[in-house]
Amino acid sequence: MALGDGRTIDFNDLPPAITSGVAAMDQGLDSSGLSATDLEDIERTTIQRVFEQVKGDKALAGKMLGISRATLYRKLKRYNIGAREAFPTSQAL
């Protein structure tokens, strides 16, 4: 979740969990700020991290991310993040 008092979200509005990851990946950003690709990488990483934390619970992941389940489903598909591969169910052999 990012909090800010303006109409746009600034880098300083992002939580430390995200900004520290971006700082580690910093490859010399220019004065214009983050590119669309950078923001997509941050979004993908954040969704993946939350999805793993909730062990694939889409309803809970959507709540934690502050987005609807429909939006979460679209983003999971877009970023190829899936519950079946990451969280296999135990099956009796």
Protein backbone atom coordinates (compact mmCIF):
# COMPACT_ATOMS: atom_id res chain seq x y z
CA MET A 1 0.00 0.00 0.00
CA ALA A 2 1.27 3.47 -0.78
CA LEU A 3 0.07 6.60 0.94
CA GLY A 4 0.44 10.13 -0.31
CA ASP A 5 -1.19 13.50 0.01
CA GLY A 6 -1.14 14.41 -3.67
CA ARG A 7 -2.72 13.18 -6.86
CA THR A 8 0.36 11.21 -7.84
CA ILE A 9 2.34 8.68 -5.85
CA ASP A 10 5.92 9.76 -5.34
CA PHE A 11 8.80 7.38 -4.62
CA ASN A 12 8.88 8.69 -1.04
CA ASP A 13 5.21 7.66 -0.60
CA LEU A 14 6.08 3.98 -1.10
CA PRO A 15 6.67 1.71 1.90
CA PRO A 16 10.26 0.77 2.82
CA ALA A 17 9.71 -2.85 1.75
CA ILE A 18 9.35 -1.63 -1.83
CA THR A 19 11.80 1.28 -1.83
CA SER A 20 14.62 -0.84 -0.42
CA GLY A 21 14.11 -3.36 -3.22
CA VAL A 22 14.12 -0.60 -5.81
CA ALA A 23 17.27 0.89 -4.28
CA ALA A 24 18.98 -2.47 -4.60
CA MET A 25 17.93 -2.70 -8.26
CA ASP A 26 18.80 0.94 -8.99
CA GLN A 27 20.51 1.16 -12.34
CA GLY A 28 21.00 4.91 -12.52
CA LEU A 29 17.51 6.34 -12.92
CA ASP A 30 17.37 9.66 -14.70
CA SER A 31 15.73 12.79 -13.29
CA SER A 32 12.35 11.88 -14.81
CA GLY A 33 11.86 9.10 -12.22
CA LEU A 34 10.70 5.53 -12.66
CA SER A 35 9.81 4.19 -16.09
CA ALA A 36 6.68 2.17 -16.84
CA THR A 37 8.83 -0.97 -16.90
CA ASP A 38 10.21 -0.17 -13.44
CA LEU A 39 6.70 0.33 -12.08
CA GLU A 40 5.53 -2.94 -13.64
CA ASP A 41 8.46 -4.73 -12.02
CA ILE A 42 7.57 -3.22 -8.64
CA GLU A 43 3.92 -4.18 -9.10
CA ARG A 44 4.79 -7.74 -10.19
CA THR A 45 7.17 -8.20 -7.24
CA THR A 46 4.67 -6.81 -4.75
CA ILE A 47 1.82 -8.98 -6.01
CA GLN A 48 4.06 -12.07 -6.06
CA ARG A 49 5.27 -11.38 -2.49
CA VAL A 50 1.74 -10.87 -1.13
CA PHE A 51 0.40 -13.87 -3.04
CA GLU A 52 3.11 -16.05 -1.52
CA GLN A 53 2.49 -14.66 1.98
CA VAL A 54 -1.20 -15.59 1.82
CA LYS A 55 -0.39 -18.97 0.25
CA GLY A 56 -2.45 -18.29 -2.86
CA ASP A 57 -5.60 -16.98 -1.14
CA LYS A 58 -6.84 -14.62 -3.84
CA ALA A 59 -9.52 -12.94 -1.73
CA LEU A 60 -7.03 -12.14 1.03
CA ALA A 61 -4.34 -11.06 -1.45
CA GLY A 62 -6.79 -8.64 -3.08
CA LYS A 63 -7.71 -7.18 0.31
CA MET A 64 -4.07 -6.78 1.32
CA LEU A 65 -3.24 -5.12 -1.99
CA GLY A 66 -6.32 -2.91 -1.88
CA ILE A 67 -7.64 -4.13 -5.23
CA SER A 68 -10.71 -6.08 -6.28
CA ARG A 69 -10.51 -9.80 -6.95
CA ALA A 70 -11.26 -9.12 -10.61
CA THR A 71 -8.28 -6.74 -10.82
CA LEU A 72 -6.10 -9.25 -8.99
CA TYR A 73 -7.11 -12.01 -11.43
CA ARG A 74 -6.17 -9.78 -14.39
CA LYS A 75 -2.81 -8.94 -12.86
CA LEU A 76 -2.07 -12.56 -11.93
CA LYS A 77 -2.72 -13.52 -15.54
CA ARG A 78 -0.72 -10.59 -16.91
CA TYR A 79 2.32 -11.38 -14.77
CA ASN A 80 1.88 -15.15 -15.07
CA ILE A 81 1.60 -15.63 -11.32
CA GLY A 82 -0.31 -18.79 -10.52
CA ALA A 83 -1.39 -20.59 -7.39
CA ARG A 84 -1.06 -24.08 -8.80
CA GLU A 85 2.66 -23.91 -9.53
CA ALA A 86 3.67 -22.02 -6.39
CA PHE A 87 1.38 -23.76 -3.91
CA PRO A 88 0.82 -27.39 -4.88
CA THR A 89 -1.84 -29.23 -2.97
CA SER A 90 -0.80 -32.32 -1.10
CA GLN A 91 -2.20 -35.42 -2.72
CA ALA A 92 -2.17 -38.94 -1.39
CA LEU A 93 -0.06 -41.25 -3.52
